[in-house]
Amino acid sequence: MSKDALGWKCKFAVVAPSTNTIVQPDMDSLRIRGVTNHYGRIHIPNMQVGSDKEFIDLVEAIGATLYEAVDRCVTCEPDYLIMGMSALMFWGGRLESEKRMGALSEHCGLEVSAGSFACEAALNLYEVKRIAVISPYWPISDKNVTLFFEDCGFEVKKFRGLKCPTPVAIAHVQPEELRQHVLEMNDESIDAFVQVGTNLSMVELCNEMSIELKKPMVPINAATYWHALRANNLNDQFDGHGPLFRDH
């Protein structure tokens, strides 16, 4: 581990699309003393997304400059890499995503936490199988998210894809709308809820609704940061950050 004056426990490199305004404040709010976050931006335009094809174009744009952002981050000698973008790490199901993450880890020489695998770990911790998913994506991506979770052994009972029109617009979805989507999907067939899309702001809402509905709620940014902390044997407990952070 590093002996950095502020990050003496661990320095995290966090990469996210340049259009993303939610990952950084979310993960900074979860940071613990002795751990520091160092952000790299994956350059993408705030492109219009009005179809599955255009969403694929967006995913490909992220993939095209991902390694460049990671390479910039590793110059600060981080101890660990956090993926602050999620669509690419669901694409093609679990096996393909595992290969993609392995290649990234080999490229940068760091272990990696990604939202897809972090959500899997969180759902396994809660010992649930039947899930509902909320996503800002378009149907082609929703199919890949469903495939990933089904590959992990979960039953995706319900899925709500919001088809946000631009990457920046994802962050404009307000808690009241997201709360209504959750309530509309909630019934006895659902054991837990998962939120994907790292630019969708649901950490606080999920913490509140997990108490209200008495069901696990897994917001991807919190799950990813929790996964990174635990992967580095940082087992700090928090009362205000949701049940994942009280897992011991």
Protein backbone atom coordinates (compact mmCIF):
# COMPACT_ATOMS: atom_id res chain seq x y z
CA MET A 1 0.00 0.00 0.00
CA SER A 2 1.07 3.60 -0.57
CA LYS A 3 2.63 5.91 1.99
CA ASP A 4 0.91 8.95 0.54
CA ALA A 5 0.43 11.76 3.08
CA LEU A 6 -3.37 11.64 2.68
CA GLY A 7 -3.89 8.24 1.05
CA TRP A 8 -1.78 6.19 3.41
CA LYS A 9 -4.26 3.32 3.39
CA CYS A 10 -5.02 3.25 -0.33
CA LYS A 11 -5.06 5.44 -3.42
CA PHE A 12 -7.94 4.67 -5.77
CA ALA A 13 -7.84 5.61 -9.45
CA VAL A 14 -11.43 6.13 -10.63
CA VAL A 15 -12.23 6.38 -14.34
CA ALA A 16 -15.56 7.67 -15.62
CA PRO A 17 -16.93 9.23 -18.82
CA SER A 18 -16.28 12.96 -19.17
CA THR A 19 -20.06 13.49 -19.25
CA ASN A 20 -20.56 11.86 -15.84
CA THR A 21 -21.35 14.20 -12.92
CA ILE A 22 -22.57 11.64 -10.34
CA VAL A 23 -19.71 9.16 -9.82
CA GLN A 24 -17.29 11.65 -8.32
CA PRO A 25 -19.60 13.13 -5.65
CA ASP A 26 -21.03 9.69 -4.86
CA MET A 27 -17.65 8.08 -4.32
CA ASP A 28 -16.20 11.07 -2.49
CA SER A 29 -19.13 10.83 -0.06
CA LEU A 30 -18.16 7.20 0.66
CA ARG A 31 -14.44 7.85 1.07
CA ILE A 32 -12.84 6.98 4.40
CA ARG A 33 -9.92 8.60 6.20
CA GLY A 34 -6.63 7.41 4.72
CA VAL A 35 -8.17 6.59 1.32
CA THR A 36 -8.06 9.05 -1.59
CA ASN A 37 -9.85 9.05 -4.96
CA HIS A 38 -8.10 10.22 -8.12
CA TYR A 39 -10.33 10.72 -11.14
CA GLY A 40 -9.63 10.20 -14.82
CA ARG A 41 -12.08 11.25 -17.49
CA ILE A 42 -12.85 9.05 -20.49
CA HIS A 43 -13.38 11.63 -23.22
CA ILE A 44 -16.73 11.26 -24.99
CA PRO A 45 -19.04 13.87 -26.53
CA ASN A 46 -22.46 14.49 -25.04
CA MET A 47 -23.91 12.67 -28.03
CA GLN A 48 -27.59 12.28 -28.83
CA VAL A 49 -28.92 8.78 -28.15
CA GLY A 50 -32.25 7.98 -29.76
CA SER A 51 -31.90 4.34 -30.76
CA ASP A 52 -30.10 1.10 -29.94
CA LYS A 53 -27.56 1.82 -32.68
CA GLU A 54 -26.74 5.21 -31.22
CA PHE A 55 -26.35 3.65 -27.79
CA ILE A 56 -23.88 1.14 -29.26
CA ASP A 57 -22.02 4.12 -30.73
CA LEU A 58 -21.84 5.61 -27.23
CA VAL A 59 -20.50 2.39 -25.70
CA GLU A 60 -17.90 2.14 -28.46
CA ALA A 61 -16.86 5.76 -27.88
CA ILE A 62 -16.26 4.98 -24.21
CA GLY A 63 -14.27 1.87 -25.04
CA ALA A 64 -12.14 3.74 -27.58
CA THR A 65 -10.59 6.10 -25.01
CA LEU A 66 -10.87 4.03 -21.83
CA TYR A 67 -7.25 2.90 -21.79
CA GLU A 68 -6.02 6.46 -22.38
CA ALA A 69 -7.87 7.64 -19.26
CA VAL A 70 -6.52 4.71 -17.24
CA ASP A 71 -2.99 5.41 -18.45
CA ARG A 72 -3.24 9.00 -17.22
CA CYS A 73 -4.50 7.83 -13.84
CA VAL A 74 -1.72 5.33 -13.22
CA THR A 75 0.92 8.06 -13.36
CA CYS A 76 -0.05 8.93 -9.74
CA GLU A 77 0.86 5.35 -8.74
CA PRO A 78 -2.56 4.29 -7.47
CA ASP A 79 -3.03 1.05 -5.57
CA TYR A 80 -6.30 0.02 -7.22
CA LEU A 81 -8.59 0.89 -10.13
CA ILE A 82 -12.32 1.58 -9.89
CA MET A 83 -14.47 1.59 -13.01
CA GLY A 84 -16.88 4.51 -12.72
CA MET A 85 -18.77 3.45 -15.85
CA SER A 86 -20.85 0.34 -16.17
CA ALA A 87 -22.39 -0.42 -19.59
CA LEU A 88 -19.15 -1.78 -21.03
CA MET A 89 -18.66 -4.11 -18.08
CA PHE A 90 -22.05 -5.79 -18.62
CA TRP A 91 -21.71 -6.14 -22.39
CA GLY A 92 -21.82 -9.68 -23.72
CA GLY A 93 -22.64 -11.31 -20.39
CA ARG A 94 -20.48 -12.35 -17.48
CA LEU A 95 -17.77 -14.29 -19.30
CA GLU A 96 -17.10 -11.58 -21.88
CA SER A 97 -17.12 -8.92 -19.17
CA GLU A 98 -14.69 -10.96 -17.09
CA LYS A 99 -12.32 -11.20 -20.08
CA ARG A 100 -12.62 -7.47 -20.69
CA MET A 101 -11.87 -6.64 -17.07
CA GLY A 102 -8.96 -9.09 -17.00
CA ALA A 103 -7.44 -7.43 -20.05
CA LEU A 104 -7.81 -4.02 -18.45
CA SER A 105 -6.19 -5.24 -15.23
CA GLU A 106 -3.29 -6.74 -17.16
CA HIS A 107 -2.86 -3.53 -19.15
CA CYS A 108 -2.59 -1.25 -16.11
CA GLY A 109 -1.09 -3.68 -13.60
CA LEU A 110 -3.83 -3.09 -11.04
CA GLU A 111 -6.73 -5.07 -9.65
CA VAL A 112 -10.09 -3.64 -10.67
CA SER A 113 -13.58 -3.18 -9.23
CA ALA A 114 -16.39 -2.77 -11.76
CA GLY A 115 -20.06 -2.13 -11.11
CA SER A 116 -21.35 -5.31 -12.72
CA PHE A 117 -19.28 -7.64 -10.56
CA ALA A 118 -19.78 -5.44 -7.50
CA CYS A 119 -23.57 -5.71 -7.87
CA GLU A 120 -23.22 -9.49 -8.22
CA ALA A 121 -21.21 -9.61 -4.98
CA ALA A 122 -23.72 -7.41 -3.16
CA LEU A 123 -26.69 -9.53 -4.27
CA ASN A 124 -24.87 -12.67 -3.17
CA LEU A 125 -24.20 -11.05 0.20
CA TYR A 126 -27.94 -10.42 0.56
CA GLU A 127 -28.67 -14.01 -0.57
CA VAL A 128 -31.37 -12.95 -3.05
CA LYS A 129 -32.25 -14.34 -6.47
CA ARG A 130 -35.26 -12.49 -7.90
CA ILE A 131 -34.38 -8.94 -8.86
CA ALA A 132 -35.79 -5.83 -10.50
CA VAL A 133 -33.38 -3.56 -12.37
CA ILE A 134 -33.60 0.15 -13.12
CA SER A 135 -31.38 1.54 -15.86
CA PRO A 136 -30.89 4.80 -17.79
CA TYR A 137 -29.96 2.82 -20.90
CA TRP A 138 -31.60 1.81 -24.16
CA PRO A 139 -33.02 -1.70 -24.81
CA ILE A 140 -29.85 -3.13 -26.41
CA SER A 141 -27.92 -2.37 -23.23
CA ASP A 142 -30.75 -3.54 -21.00
CA LYS A 143 -30.53 -6.92 -22.76
CA ASN A 144 -26.82 -7.12 -21.96
CA VAL A 145 -27.40 -6.17 -18.31
CA THR A 146 -30.10 -8.86 -18.07
CA LEU A 147 -27.77 -11.41 -19.68
CA PHE A 148 -25.02 -10.60 -17.18
CA PHE A 149 -27.28 -11.06 -14.15
CA GLU A 150 -28.80 -14.23 -15.56
CA ASP A 151 -25.28 -15.58 -16.17
CA CYS A 152 -24.67 -14.90 -12.46
CA GLY A 153 -27.68 -17.02 -11.51
CA PHE A 154 -30.22 -14.29 -10.77
CA GLU A 155 -33.77 -14.07 -12.11
CA VAL A 156 -34.45 -10.66 -13.66
CA LYS A 157 -38.17 -10.42 -12.99
CA LYS A 158 -38.66 -6.79 -14.01
CA PHE A 159 -36.61 -4.19 -15.86
CA ARG A 160 -37.18 -0.48 -16.23
CA GLY A 161 -35.02 1.19 -18.91
CA LEU A 162 -35.31 4.97 -19.02
CA LYS A 163 -33.83 5.55 -22.52
CA CYS A 164 -32.12 8.79 -21.53
CA PRO A 165 -31.50 10.98 -24.61
CA THR A 166 -27.88 11.98 -23.86
CA PRO A 167 -25.18 10.88 -21.39
CA VAL A 168 -25.51 14.16 -19.44
CA ALA A 169 -29.30 13.79 -19.28
CA ILE A 170 -28.91 10.65 -17.17
CA ALA A 171 -27.88 12.83 -14.23
CA HIS A 172 -31.00 14.98 -14.70
CA VAL A 173 -33.38 12.18 -13.65
CA GLN A 174 -34.76 13.27 -10.29
CA PRO A 175 -35.29 11.13 -7.17
CA GLU A 176 -39.07 11.54 -7.34
CA GLU A 177 -39.20 9.89 -10.77
CA LEU A 178 -36.86 7.09 -9.72
CA ARG A 179 -38.87 6.48 -6.57
CA GLN A 180 -42.04 6.10 -8.65
CA HIS A 181 -40.36 3.55 -10.92
CA VAL A 182 -39.32 1.48 -7.91
CA LEU A 183 -42.80 1.58 -6.39
CA GLU A 184 -44.37 0.54 -9.69
CA MET A 185 -42.08 -2.50 -9.96
CA ASN A 186 -42.33 -3.55 -6.34
CA ASP A 187 -44.38 -6.64 -5.55
CA GLU A 188 -43.97 -10.06 -3.98
CA SER A 189 -42.04 -11.39 -6.99
CA ILE A 190 -39.10 -9.05 -6.24
CA ASP A 191 -36.50 -9.86 -3.59
CA ALA A 192 -34.15 -6.94 -4.32
CA PHE A 193 -33.63 -3.94 -6.59
CA VAL A 194 -30.50 -3.08 -8.56
CA GLN A 195 -29.71 0.30 -10.13
CA VAL A 196 -27.21 0.37 -12.98
CA GLY A 197 -25.77 3.34 -14.88
CA THR A 198 -23.20 5.26 -12.86
CA ASN A 199 -24.52 8.70 -13.87
CA LEU A 200 -27.93 7.93 -12.35
CA SER A 201 -28.17 9.33 -8.83
CA MET A 202 -29.78 6.74 -6.54
CA VAL A 203 -27.49 6.15 -3.55
CA GLU A 204 -29.48 8.18 -1.03
CA LEU A 205 -32.83 7.09 -2.47
CA CYS A 206 -31.84 3.41 -2.31
CA ASN A 207 -30.77 3.78 1.31
CA GLU A 208 -34.13 5.35 2.17
CA MET A 209 -36.25 2.88 0.19
CA SER A 210 -34.44 -0.19 1.52
CA ILE A 211 -35.86 0.77 4.92
CA GLU A 212 -39.28 1.67 3.56
CA LEU A 213 -39.71 -1.50 1.45
CA LYS A 214 -37.68 -3.77 3.72
CA LYS A 215 -35.82 -5.09 0.67
CA PRO A 216 -32.17 -4.79 -0.40
CA MET A 217 -31.51 -1.92 -2.80
CA VAL A 218 -28.19 -2.01 -4.65
CA PRO A 219 -27.11 1.33 -6.18
CA ILE A 220 -24.17 0.69 -8.47
CA ASN A 221 -21.84 3.46 -7.28
CA ALA A 222 -22.13 2.48 -3.63
CA ALA A 223 -21.74 -1.21 -4.49
CA THR A 224 -18.62 -0.52 -6.56
CA TYR A 225 -16.95 1.57 -3.87
CA TRP A 226 -17.86 -0.99 -1.20
CA HIS A 227 -16.38 -3.72 -3.39
CA ALA A 228 -13.14 -1.77 -3.82
CA LEU A 229 -12.81 -1.11 -0.10
CA ARG A 230 -13.39 -4.73 0.81
CA ALA A 231 -11.01 -5.94 -1.91
CA ASN A 232 -8.32 -3.92 -0.15
CA ASN A 233 -9.21 -5.26 3.31
CA LEU A 234 -10.69 -1.93 4.35
CA ASN A 235 -13.60 -3.08 6.47
CA ASP A 236 -14.77 0.23 7.95
CA GLN A 237 -18.42 0.31 8.96
CA PHE A 238 -20.84 3.19 8.34
CA ASP A 239 -24.34 3.75 9.65
CA GLY A 240 -25.28 6.40 7.10
CA HIS A 241 -24.16 4.70 3.89
CA GLY A 242 -26.62 1.84 3.69
CA PRO A 243 -26.56 -1.80 4.76
CA LEU A 244 -23.69 -2.82 2.43
CA PHE A 245 -21.33 -0.85 4.62
CA ARG A 246 -22.50 -2.75 7.69
CA ASP A 247 -21.63 -6.15 6.21
CA HIS A 248 -19.52 -7.48 9.07
